[in-house]
């Protein structure tokens, strides 16, 4: 999403949590099926053709009725809800907090190095990158969501608490690759969005951007972020969707992927992700920014 206000606005912390959390739930219900399709395409190691597309996407429901096919795209919804809501709340509150911190302590250094205008953009992007790195704490929920989407056999009838107790640190498998993906991805997300507002749309005060300007900037930022992070996202997904007891080193995944599928496999699932970026970001950003002021009247 495009960079929110960097200063402390009139909205309370509770209003931001409620507004962004509600936005995450609504976004999840609408876009979870598309995310499932993208994850299954990224996890598929065979050649994709028109004949194999349906079994890859719908799995056991490939020959079922259309309603059952659609419902098959909602595996791991509970884990996805926990992850998405926590992620949205963290993103909305985390990036402005990091930006405030950087502005307070390091603004002079950024301004001297990049100039006032570019320094402001770099602070937004750097704050986004730090937020992305810290997002690794949510990795267990993300890992469980991905496993439910592409490898449900790994659960073997176990619930969340039992899995967390039995698997422990294995739920953080791929944490290094996740941080390596999130750092440049979030940098590109907030940086490209800020760049678009400042240099393309001529908006110097990001908090005063119109809905249309936020729309354009959000699309630019999200497309840049997803494209930059795509190769590492594929590696992270391959690591996370393996069975719990199967430890797959990231460099092994990279080597086998290049050997068996070619370099273009690093961008598997990129098209459906980019196709949903526009409506997804417009929906979540607009809803969150509408609900936060509303909740501020009551909390």
C-alpha atoms as a PDB file:
ATOM      1  CA  UNK A   1       0.000   0.000   0.000  1.00  0.00           C
ATOM      2  CA  UNK A   2       1.080   3.570  -0.395  1.00  0.00           C
ATOM      3  CA  UNK A   3       2.815   5.252   2.509  1.00  0.00           C
ATOM      4  CA  UNK A   4       0.412   6.398   5.207  1.00  0.00           C
ATOM      5  CA  UNK A   5       0.825   9.545   7.204  1.00  0.00           C
ATOM      6  CA  UNK A   6       4.246   9.700   8.778  1.00  0.00           C
ATOM      7  CA  UNK A   7       3.275  11.978  11.578  1.00  0.00           C
ATOM      8  CA  UNK A   8       1.011  11.353  14.501  1.00  0.00           C
ATOM      9  CA  UNK A   9      -2.500  12.060  13.259  1.00  0.00           C
ATOM     10  CA  UNK A  10      -5.728  12.518  15.128  1.00  0.00           C
ATOM     11  CA  UNK A  11      -6.623   8.836  14.812  1.00  0.00           C
ATOM     12  CA  UNK A  12      -6.115   6.762  17.943  1.00  0.00           C
ATOM     13  CA  UNK A  13      -4.052   3.598  18.043  1.00  0.00           C
ATOM     14  CA  UNK A  14      -7.192   1.549  18.700  1.00  0.00           C
ATOM     15  CA  UNK A  15      -8.894   3.074  15.662  1.00  0.00           C
ATOM     16  CA  UNK A  16      -5.922   2.191  13.462  1.00  0.00           C
ATOM     17  CA  UNK A  17      -5.938  -1.382  14.729  1.00  0.00           C
ATOM     18  CA  UNK A  18      -9.686  -1.793  14.228  1.00  0.00           C
ATOM     19  CA  UNK A  19      -9.727  -0.083  10.850  1.00  0.00           C
ATOM     20  CA  UNK A  20      -6.730  -1.890   9.392  1.00  0.00           C
ATOM     21  CA  UNK A  21      -7.790  -5.201  10.948  1.00  0.00           C
ATOM     22  CA  UNK A  22     -11.280  -4.983   9.457  1.00  0.00           C
ATOM     23  CA  UNK A  23      -9.722  -4.099   6.126  1.00  0.00           C
ATOM     24  CA  UNK A  24      -7.536  -7.196   6.359  1.00  0.00           C
ATOM     25  CA  UNK A  25     -10.506  -9.477   7.037  1.00  0.00           C
ATOM     26  CA  UNK A  26     -12.522  -8.071   4.131  1.00  0.00           C
ATOM     27  CA  UNK A  27      -9.513  -8.262   1.823  1.00  0.00           C
ATOM     28  CA  UNK A  28      -8.896 -11.855   2.858  1.00  0.00           C
ATOM     29  CA  UNK A  29     -12.409 -13.068   2.086  1.00  0.00           C
ATOM     30  CA  UNK A  30     -12.278 -11.605  -1.403  1.00  0.00           C
ATOM     31  CA  UNK A  31      -8.684 -12.259  -2.438  1.00  0.00           C
ATOM     32  CA  UNK A  32      -7.717 -15.467  -0.598  1.00  0.00           C
ATOM     33  CA  UNK A  33      -8.690 -17.651  -3.608  1.00  0.00           C
ATOM     34  CA  UNK A  34      -6.336 -15.700  -5.895  1.00  0.00           C
ATOM     35  CA  UNK A  35      -3.529 -16.071  -3.359  1.00  0.00           C
ATOM     36  CA  UNK A  36      -4.158 -19.823  -3.250  1.00  0.00           C
ATOM     37  CA  UNK A  37      -3.901 -20.042  -7.052  1.00  0.00           C
ATOM     38  CA  UNK A  38      -0.626 -18.086  -7.022  1.00  0.00           C
ATOM     39  CA  UNK A  39       0.867 -20.260  -4.239  1.00  0.00           C
ATOM     40  CA  UNK A  40      -0.092 -23.493  -6.020  1.00  0.00           C
ATOM     41  CA  UNK A  41       1.413 -22.304  -9.293  1.00  0.00           C
ATOM     42  CA  UNK A  42       4.634 -21.290  -7.505  1.00  0.00           C
ATOM     43  CA  UNK A  43       4.811 -24.666  -5.740  1.00  0.00           C
ATOM     44  CA  UNK A  44       4.242 -26.678  -8.907  1.00  0.00           C
ATOM     45  CA  UNK A  45       7.520 -28.159 -10.186  1.00  0.00           C
ATOM     46  CA  UNK A  46       6.170 -29.641 -13.438  1.00  0.00           C
ATOM     47  CA  UNK A  47       5.629 -27.937 -16.758  1.00  0.00           C
ATOM     48  CA  UNK A  48       2.361 -26.027 -16.875  1.00  0.00           C
ATOM     49  CA  UNK A  49       0.021 -26.593 -19.820  1.00  0.00           C
ATOM     50  CA  UNK A  50      -3.663 -26.059 -20.498  1.00  0.00           C
ATOM     51  CA  UNK A  51      -4.353 -29.733 -19.684  1.00  0.00           C
ATOM     52  CA  UNK A  52      -2.498 -29.674 -16.353  1.00  0.00           C
ATOM     53  CA  UNK A  53      -3.680 -26.242 -15.201  1.00  0.00           C
ATOM     54  CA  UNK A  54      -6.944 -27.425 -13.590  1.00  0.00           C
ATOM     55  CA  UNK A  55      -5.358 -30.249 -11.506  1.00  0.00           C
ATOM     56  CA  UNK A  56      -2.614 -27.856 -10.361  1.00  0.00           C
ATOM     57  CA  UNK A  57      -5.062 -25.167  -9.247  1.00  0.00           C
ATOM     58  CA  UNK A  58      -8.001 -27.209  -7.934  1.00  0.00           C
ATOM     59  CA  UNK A  59      -6.151 -30.366  -6.812  1.00  0.00           C
ATOM     60  CA  UNK A  60      -8.674 -33.090  -5.835  1.00  0.00           C
ATOM     61  CA  UNK A  61     -11.584 -30.871  -6.896  1.00  0.00           C
ATOM     62  CA  UNK A  62     -10.339 -30.593 -10.501  1.00  0.00           C
ATOM     63  CA  UNK A  63     -13.224 -32.715 -11.815  1.00  0.00           C
ATOM     64  CA  UNK A  64     -15.807 -31.512  -9.294  1.00  0.00           C
ATOM     65  CA  UNK A  65     -18.643 -29.049  -9.787  1.00  0.00           C
ATOM     66  CA  UNK A  66     -17.925 -25.333 -10.097  1.00  0.00           C
ATOM     67  CA  UNK A  67     -19.080 -24.442  -6.527  1.00  0.00           C
ATOM     68  CA  UNK A  68     -16.871 -27.182  -5.056  1.00  0.00           C
ATOM     69  CA  UNK A  69     -13.939 -25.992  -7.173  1.00  0.00           C
ATOM     70  CA  UNK A  70     -14.396 -22.479  -5.798  1.00  0.00           C
ATOM     71  CA  UNK A  71     -14.569 -23.687  -2.176  1.00  0.00           C
ATOM     72  CA  UNK A  72     -11.372 -25.685  -2.719  1.00  0.00           C
ATOM     73  CA  UNK A  73      -9.537 -22.358  -3.067  1.00  0.00           C
ATOM     74  CA  UNK A  74     -10.177 -21.502   0.619  1.00  0.00           C
ATOM     75  CA  UNK A  75      -7.864 -23.922   2.473  1.00  0.00           C
ATOM     76  CA  UNK A  76      -6.205 -22.609   5.621  1.00  0.00           C
ATOM     77  CA  UNK A  77      -8.621 -19.692   5.899  1.00  0.00           C
ATOM     78  CA  UNK A  78      -8.253 -19.572   9.702  1.00  0.00           C
ATOM     79  CA  UNK A  79      -4.450 -19.319   9.525  1.00  0.00           C
ATOM     80  CA  UNK A  80      -4.735 -16.860   6.650  1.00  0.00           C
ATOM     81  CA  UNK A  81      -7.090 -14.673   8.703  1.00  0.00           C
ATOM     82  CA  UNK A  82      -4.688 -14.564  11.640  1.00  0.00           C
ATOM     83  CA  UNK A  83      -1.771 -13.771   9.358  1.00  0.00           C
ATOM     84  CA  UNK A  84      -3.525 -11.197   7.179  1.00  0.00           C
ATOM     85  CA  UNK A  85      -5.104  -9.243  10.036  1.00  0.00           C
ATOM     86  CA  UNK A  86      -1.843  -9.216  12.021  1.00  0.00           C
ATOM     87  CA  UNK A  87       0.089  -8.257   8.889  1.00  0.00           C
ATOM     88  CA  UNK A  88      -2.214  -5.356   8.017  1.00  0.00           C
ATOM     89  CA  UNK A  89      -2.211  -4.007  11.563  1.00  0.00           C
ATOM     90  CA  UNK A  90       1.581  -4.271  11.663  1.00  0.00           C
ATOM     91  CA  UNK A  91       2.000  -2.632   8.228  1.00  0.00           C
ATOM     92  CA  UNK A  92      -0.319   0.262   8.995  1.00  0.00           C
ATOM     93  CA  UNK A  93       1.240   1.016  12.358  1.00  0.00           C
ATOM     94  CA  UNK A  94       4.800  -0.188  11.820  1.00  0.00           C
ATOM     95  CA  UNK A  95       5.911   1.803   8.783  1.00  0.00           C
ATOM     96  CA  UNK A  96       4.791   5.207  10.127  1.00  0.00           C
ATOM     97  CA  UNK A  97       6.444   4.373  13.471  1.00  0.00           C
ATOM     98  CA  UNK A  98       9.755   3.492  11.806  1.00  0.00           C
ATOM     99  CA  UNK A  99       9.477   6.585   9.616  1.00  0.00           C
ATOM    100  CA  UNK A 100       8.958   8.777  12.699  1.00  0.00           C
ATOM    101  CA  UNK A 101      11.973   7.139  14.347  1.00  0.00           C
ATOM    102  CA  UNK A 102      14.196   7.675  11.306  1.00  0.00           C
ATOM    103  CA  UNK A 103      13.003  11.269  10.884  1.00  0.00           C
ATOM    104  CA  UNK A 104      13.705  12.055  14.536  1.00  0.00           C
ATOM    105  CA  UNK A 105      17.207  10.589  14.711  1.00  0.00           C
ATOM    106  CA  UNK A 106      18.593  10.335  11.162  1.00  0.00           C
ATOM    107  CA  UNK A 107      16.861  12.998   9.050  1.00  0.00           C
ATOM    108  CA  UNK A 108      19.992  15.152   8.848  1.00  0.00           C
ATOM    109  CA  UNK A 109      22.067  12.237   7.559  1.00  0.00           C
ATOM    110  CA  UNK A 110      19.511  11.329   4.890  1.00  0.00           C
ATOM    111  CA  UNK A 111      19.143  14.970   3.825  1.00  0.00           C
ATOM    112  CA  UNK A 112      22.901  15.499   3.585  1.00  0.00           C
ATOM    113  CA  UNK A 113      23.338  12.305   1.574  1.00  0.00           C
ATOM    114  CA  UNK A 114      20.358  12.420  -0.793  1.00  0.00           C
ATOM    115  CA  UNK A 115      19.064  16.000  -0.579  1.00  0.00           C
ATOM    116  CA  UNK A 116      15.825  17.082   1.060  1.00  0.00           C
ATOM    117  CA  UNK A 117      13.394  15.708  -1.540  1.00  0.00           C
ATOM    118  CA  UNK A 118      15.115  12.403  -2.227  1.00  0.00           C
ATOM    119  CA  UNK A 119      16.000  12.059   1.434  1.00  0.00           C
ATOM    120  CA  UNK A 120      12.311  12.078   2.323  1.00  0.00           C
ATOM    121  CA  UNK A 121      11.679   9.309  -0.216  1.00  0.00           C
ATOM    122  CA  UNK A 122      14.602   7.264   1.105  1.00  0.00           C
ATOM    123  CA  UNK A 123      13.334   7.590   4.673  1.00  0.00           C
ATOM    124  CA  UNK A 124       9.901   6.310   3.592  1.00  0.00           C
ATOM    125  CA  UNK A 125      11.485   3.414   1.704  1.00  0.00           C
ATOM    126  CA  UNK A 126      13.915   2.568   4.524  1.00  0.00           C
ATOM    127  CA  UNK A 127      11.085   2.623   7.063  1.00  0.00           C
ATOM    128  CA  UNK A 128       9.187   0.216   4.820  1.00  0.00           C
ATOM    129  CA  UNK A 129      12.213  -2.064   4.560  1.00  0.00           C
ATOM    130  CA  UNK A 130      12.633  -2.191   8.350  1.00  0.00           C
ATOM    131  CA  UNK A 131       8.926  -2.955   8.694  1.00  0.00           C
ATOM    132  CA  UNK A 132       9.267  -5.777   6.189  1.00  0.00           C
ATOM    133  CA  UNK A 133      12.225  -7.301   8.029  1.00  0.00           C
ATOM    134  CA  UNK A 134      10.326  -7.232  11.330  1.00  0.00           C
ATOM    135  CA  UNK A 135       7.412  -9.005   9.674  1.00  0.00           C
ATOM    136  CA  UNK A 136       9.353 -12.250  10.115  1.00  0.00           C
ATOM    137  CA  UNK A 137       7.737 -12.599  13.566  1.00  0.00           C
ATOM    138  CA  UNK A 138       4.501 -13.503  11.736  1.00  0.00           C
ATOM    139  CA  UNK A 139       6.229 -16.289   9.804  1.00  0.00           C
ATOM    140  CA  UNK A 140       4.576 -19.240  11.641  1.00  0.00           C
ATOM    141  CA  UNK A 141       1.091 -18.095  10.598  1.00  0.00           C
ATOM    142  CA  UNK A 142       2.298 -17.508   7.056  1.00  0.00           C
ATOM    143  CA  UNK A 143       3.938 -20.950   6.949  1.00  0.00           C
ATOM    144  CA  UNK A 144       0.792 -22.691   8.210  1.00  0.00           C
ATOM    145  CA  UNK A 145      -1.357 -20.771   5.720  1.00  0.00           C
ATOM    146  CA  UNK A 146       0.860 -21.828   2.814  1.00  0.00           C
ATOM    147  CA  UNK A 147       0.945 -25.464   3.967  1.00  0.00           C
ATOM    148  CA  UNK A 148      -2.863 -25.562   4.143  1.00  0.00           C
ATOM    149  CA  UNK A 149      -3.010 -24.114   0.637  1.00  0.00           C
ATOM    150  CA  UNK A 150      -0.494 -26.389  -1.082  1.00  0.00           C
ATOM    151  CA  UNK A 151       0.373 -29.287   1.272  1.00  0.00           C
ATOM    152  CA  UNK A 152      -2.563 -30.062   3.626  1.00  0.00           C
ATOM    153  CA  UNK A 153      -1.260 -33.628   4.181  1.00  0.00           C
ATOM    154  CA  UNK A 154       1.453 -32.150   6.422  1.00  0.00           C
ATOM    155  CA  UNK A 155      -1.163 -31.393   9.102  1.00  0.00           C
ATOM    156  CA  UNK A 156      -2.358 -34.982   9.522  1.00  0.00           C
ATOM    157  CA  UNK A 157      -5.401 -33.865  11.515  1.00  0.00           C
ATOM    158  CA  UNK A 158      -3.465 -31.737  14.001  1.00  0.00           C
ATOM    159  CA  UNK A 159      -4.703 -28.358  15.218  1.00  0.00           C
ATOM    160  CA  UNK A 160      -2.742 -25.105  15.545  1.00  0.00           C
ATOM    161  CA  UNK A 161      -1.755 -25.460  19.211  1.00  0.00           C
ATOM    162  CA  UNK A 162      -0.560 -29.037  18.790  1.00  0.00           C
ATOM    163  CA  UNK A 163       1.408 -28.180  15.651  1.00  0.00           C
ATOM    164  CA  UNK A 164       3.009 -25.180  17.364  1.00  0.00           C
ATOM    165  CA  UNK A 165       3.995 -27.288  20.389  1.00  0.00           C
ATOM    166  CA  UNK A 166       5.339 -30.198  18.310  1.00  0.00           C
ATOM    167  CA  UNK A 167       7.044 -28.321  15.489  1.00  0.00           C
ATOM    168  CA  UNK A 168       8.359 -25.295  17.397  1.00  0.00           C
ATOM    169  CA  UNK A 169      11.142 -23.511  15.549  1.00  0.00           C
ATOM    170  CA  UNK A 170      10.512 -25.424  12.317  1.00  0.00           C
ATOM    171  CA  UNK A 171       7.645 -22.981  11.742  1.00  0.00           C
ATOM    172  CA  UNK A 172      10.328 -20.329  11.299  1.00  0.00           C
ATOM    173  CA  UNK A 173      11.941 -22.338   8.529  1.00  0.00           C
ATOM    174  CA  UNK A 174      12.986 -20.015   5.734  1.00  0.00           C
ATOM    175  CA  UNK A 175      13.176 -16.970   8.032  1.00  0.00           C
ATOM    176  CA  UNK A 176      16.369 -15.762   6.380  1.00  0.00           C
ATOM    177  CA  UNK A 177      14.853 -15.984   2.913  1.00  0.00           C
ATOM    178  CA  UNK A 178      11.715 -14.257   4.197  1.00  0.00           C
ATOM    179  CA  UNK A 179      13.749 -11.320   5.500  1.00  0.00           C
ATOM    180  CA  UNK A 180      15.762 -11.258   2.273  1.00  0.00           C
ATOM    181  CA  UNK A 181      12.488 -11.078   0.333  1.00  0.00           C
ATOM    182  CA  UNK A 182      10.755  -8.548   2.598  1.00  0.00           C
ATOM    183  CA  UNK A 183      13.605  -6.042   2.833  1.00  0.00           C
ATOM    184  CA  UNK A 184      13.817  -5.120  -0.884  1.00  0.00           C
ATOM    185  CA  UNK A 185      10.115  -5.847  -1.407  1.00  0.00           C
ATOM    186  CA  UNK A 186       8.922  -3.412   1.253  1.00  0.00           C
ATOM    187  CA  UNK A 187      11.600  -0.922   0.228  1.00  0.00           C
ATOM    188  CA  UNK A 188      10.219  -0.988  -3.323  1.00  0.00           C
ATOM    189  CA  UNK A 189       6.610  -0.893  -2.082  1.00  0.00           C
ATOM    190  CA  UNK A 190       6.882   2.282  -0.029  1.00  0.00           C
ATOM    191  CA  UNK A 191       9.698   3.803  -2.075  1.00  0.00           C
ATOM    192  CA  UNK A 192       8.001   3.473  -5.475  1.00  0.00           C
ATOM    193  CA  UNK A 193       4.729   4.670  -4.007  1.00  0.00           C
ATOM    194  CA  UNK A 194       6.376   7.754  -2.489  1.00  0.00           C
ATOM    195  CA  UNK A 195       8.341   8.360  -5.704  1.00  0.00           C
ATOM    196  CA  UNK A 196       5.141   8.247  -7.763  1.00  0.00           C
ATOM    197  CA  UNK A 197       3.382  10.702  -5.476  1.00  0.00           C
ATOM    198  CA  UNK A 198       6.295  13.114  -5.330  1.00  0.00           C
ATOM    199  CA  UNK A 199       7.820  13.003  -8.818  1.00  0.00           C
ATOM    200  CA  UNK A 200       4.907  11.864 -11.016  1.00  0.00           C
ATOM    201  CA  UNK A 201       1.884  13.364  -9.289  1.00  0.00           C
ATOM    202  CA  UNK A 202       3.566  16.339  -7.634  1.00  0.00           C
ATOM    203  CA  UNK A 203       2.291  15.568  -4.131  1.00  0.00           C
ATOM    204  CA  UNK A 204       4.774  16.839  -1.547  1.00  0.00           C
ATOM    205  CA  UNK A 205       2.588  16.150   1.505  1.00  0.00           C
ATOM    206  CA  UNK A 206       1.668  12.469   1.142  1.00  0.00           C
ATOM    207  CA  UNK A 207      -1.076  12.718   3.757  1.00  0.00           C
ATOM    208  CA  UNK A 208      -2.987  15.138   1.504  1.00  0.00           C
ATOM    209  CA  UNK A 209      -3.034  12.840  -1.529  1.00  0.00           C
ATOM    210  CA  UNK A 210      -6.456  12.326  -3.090  1.00  0.00           C
ATOM    211  CA  UNK A 211      -8.087   8.916  -3.500  1.00  0.00           C
ATOM    212  CA  UNK A 212      -7.055   8.870  -7.157  1.00  0.00           C
ATOM    213  CA  UNK A 213      -3.463   9.765  -6.333  1.00  0.00           C
ATOM    214  CA  UNK A 214      -3.317   7.054  -3.669  1.00  0.00           C
ATOM    215  CA  UNK A 215      -4.710   4.610  -6.233  1.00  0.00           C
ATOM    216  CA  UNK A 216      -1.992   5.346  -8.794  1.00  0.00           C
ATOM    217  CA  UNK A 217       0.815   5.415  -6.232  1.00  0.00           C
ATOM    218  CA  UNK A 218      -0.357   2.166  -4.615  1.00  0.00           C
ATOM    219  CA  UNK A 219      -0.395   0.345  -7.953  1.00  0.00           C
ATOM    220  CA  UNK A 220       3.117   1.562  -8.792  1.00  0.00           C
ATOM    221  CA  UNK A 221       4.447   0.568  -5.388  1.00  0.00           C
ATOM    222  CA  UNK A 222       2.790  -2.831  -5.304  1.00  0.00           C
ATOM    223  CA  UNK A 223       3.835  -3.864  -8.825  1.00  0.00           C
ATOM    224  CA  UNK A 224       7.424  -2.815  -8.078  1.00  0.00           C
ATOM    225  CA  UNK A 225       7.382  -4.684  -4.760  1.00  0.00           C
ATOM    226  CA  UNK A 226       5.931  -7.935  -6.096  1.00  0.00           C
ATOM    227  CA  UNK A 227       8.262  -7.982  -9.104  1.00  0.00           C
ATOM    228  CA  UNK A 228      11.384  -7.291  -7.041  1.00  0.00           C
ATOM    229  CA  UNK A 229      10.456  -9.876  -4.402  1.00  0.00           C
ATOM    230  CA  UNK A 230       9.155 -12.564  -6.807  1.00  0.00           C
ATOM    231  CA  UNK A 231      12.305 -14.753  -7.081  1.00  0.00           C
ATOM    232  CA  UNK A 232      12.855 -14.926  -3.312  1.00  0.00           C
ATOM    233  CA  UNK A 233       9.116 -15.390  -2.772  1.00  0.00           C
ATOM    234  CA  UNK A 234       9.172 -18.544  -4.898  1.00  0.00           C
ATOM    235  CA  UNK A 235      12.145 -19.894  -2.885  1.00  0.00           C
ATOM    236  CA  UNK A 236      10.439 -19.056   0.422  1.00  0.00           C
ATOM    237  CA  UNK A 237       7.216 -20.755  -0.687  1.00  0.00           C
ATOM    238  CA  UNK A 238       9.069 -23.928  -1.759  1.00  0.00           C
ATOM    239  CA  UNK A 239      10.809 -24.079   1.642  1.00  0.00           C
ATOM    240  CA  UNK A 240       7.613 -23.508   3.612  1.00  0.00           C
ATOM    241  CA  UNK A 241       5.308 -25.908   1.783  1.00  0.00           C
ATOM    242  CA  UNK A 242       7.473 -28.973   2.503  1.00  0.00           C
ATOM    243  CA  UNK A 243       6.464 -31.434   5.228  1.00  0.00           C
ATOM    244  CA  UNK A 244       7.392 -30.341   8.746  1.00  0.00           C
ATOM    245  CA  UNK A 245      10.054 -33.033   9.162  1.00  0.00           C
ATOM    246  CA  UNK A 246      11.624 -32.304   5.777  1.00  0.00           C
ATOM    247  CA  UNK A 247      14.318 -29.622   6.026  1.00  0.00           C
ATOM    248  CA  UNK A 248      15.096 -28.145   2.629  1.00  0.00           C
ATOM    249  CA  UNK A 249      17.996 -25.644   2.433  1.00  0.00           C
ATOM    250  CA  UNK A 250      17.212 -22.528   0.414  1.00  0.00           C
ATOM    251  CA  UNK A 251      20.288 -22.848  -1.787  1.00  0.00           C
ATOM    252  CA  UNK A 252      19.246 -26.421  -2.646  1.00  0.00           C
ATOM    253  CA  UNK A 253      15.861 -25.102  -3.748  1.00  0.00           C
ATOM    254  CA  UNK A 254      17.562 -22.476  -5.922  1.00  0.00           C
ATOM    255  CA  UNK A 255      19.943 -25.005  -7.496  1.00  0.00           C
ATOM    256  CA  UNK A 256      17.206 -27.555  -8.272  1.00  0.00           C
ATOM    257  CA  UNK A 257      14.852 -24.869  -9.533  1.00  0.00           C
ATOM    258  CA  UNK A 258      17.407 -23.538 -12.036  1.00  0.00           C
ATOM    259  CA  UNK A 259      18.444 -27.061 -13.078  1.00  0.00           C
ATOM    260  CA  UNK A 260      14.965 -28.546 -13.546  1.00  0.00           C
ATOM    261  CA  UNK A 261      12.768 -25.577 -14.419  1.00  0.00           C
ATOM    262  CA  UNK A 262      15.020 -22.811 -15.675  1.00  0.00           C
ATOM    263  CA  UNK A 263      15.483 -19.200 -14.504  1.00  0.00           C
ATOM    264  CA  UNK A 264      11.972 -18.166 -15.540  1.00  0.00           C
ATOM    265  CA  UNK A 265      10.591 -20.408 -12.763  1.00  0.00           C
ATOM    266  CA  UNK A 266      11.640 -17.698 -10.284  1.00  0.00           C
ATOM    267  CA  UNK A 267       8.664 -15.721 -11.558  1.00  0.00           C
ATOM    268  CA  UNK A 268       6.030 -18.445 -11.339  1.00  0.00           C
ATOM    269  CA  UNK A 269       2.733 -17.107 -10.039  1.00  0.00           C
ATOM    270  CA  UNK A 270       3.768 -13.511 -10.772  1.00  0.00           C
ATOM    271  CA  UNK A 271       0.996 -12.862 -13.316  1.00  0.00           C
ATOM    272  CA  UNK A 272      -1.988 -13.690 -11.065  1.00  0.00           C
ATOM    273  CA  UNK A 273      -0.373 -11.683  -8.279  1.00  0.00           C
ATOM    274  CA  UNK A 274       0.090  -8.608 -10.445  1.00  0.00           C
ATOM    275  CA  UNK A 275      -3.387  -8.949 -11.933  1.00  0.00           C
ATOM    276  CA  UNK A 276      -4.921  -8.721  -8.466  1.00  0.00           C
ATOM    277  CA  UNK A 277      -2.653  -5.946  -7.196  1.00  0.00           C
ATOM    278  CA  UNK A 278      -4.810  -3.117  -8.571  1.00  0.00           C
ATOM    279  CA  UNK A 279      -8.230  -4.007  -7.112  1.00  0.00           C
ATOM    280  CA  UNK A 280      -6.695  -5.567  -4.000  1.00  0.00           C
ATOM    281  CA  UNK A 281      -4.760  -2.465  -2.975  1.00  0.00           C
ATOM    282  CA  UNK A 282      -7.525  -0.053  -3.935  1.00  0.00           C
ATOM    283  CA  UNK A 283      -9.993  -2.098  -1.900  1.00  0.00           C
ATOM    284  CA  UNK A 284      -7.854  -2.584   1.219  1.00  0.00           C
ATOM    285  CA  UNK A 285      -6.365   0.906   1.261  1.00  0.00           C
ATOM    286  CA  UNK A 286      -9.666   2.714   0.664  1.00  0.00           C
ATOM    287  CA  UNK A 287     -11.546   0.598   3.204  1.00  0.00           C
ATOM    288  CA  UNK A 288      -8.897   1.023   5.889  1.00  0.00           C
ATOM    289  CA  UNK A 289      -8.628   4.781   5.400  1.00  0.00           C
ATOM    290  CA  UNK A 290     -12.432   5.074   5.545  1.00  0.00           C
ATOM    291  CA  UNK A 291     -12.871   2.914   8.638  1.00  0.00           C
ATOM    292  CA  UNK A 292     -10.059   4.375  10.743  1.00  0.00           C
ATOM    293  CA  UNK A 293     -11.634   7.879  11.001  1.00  0.00           C
ATOM    294  CA  UNK A 294     -15.013   6.238  11.629  1.00  0.00           C
ATOM    295  CA  UNK A 295     -13.679   4.155  14.517  1.00  0.00           C
ATOM    296  CA  UNK A 296     -11.882   7.251  15.864  1.00  0.00           C
ATOM    297  CA  UNK A 297     -15.283   8.740  16.729  1.00  0.00           C
ATOM    298  CA  UNK A 298     -15.924   5.914  19.187  1.00  0.00           C
ATOM    299  CA  UNK A 299     -12.503   4.747  20.452  1.00  0.00           C
END
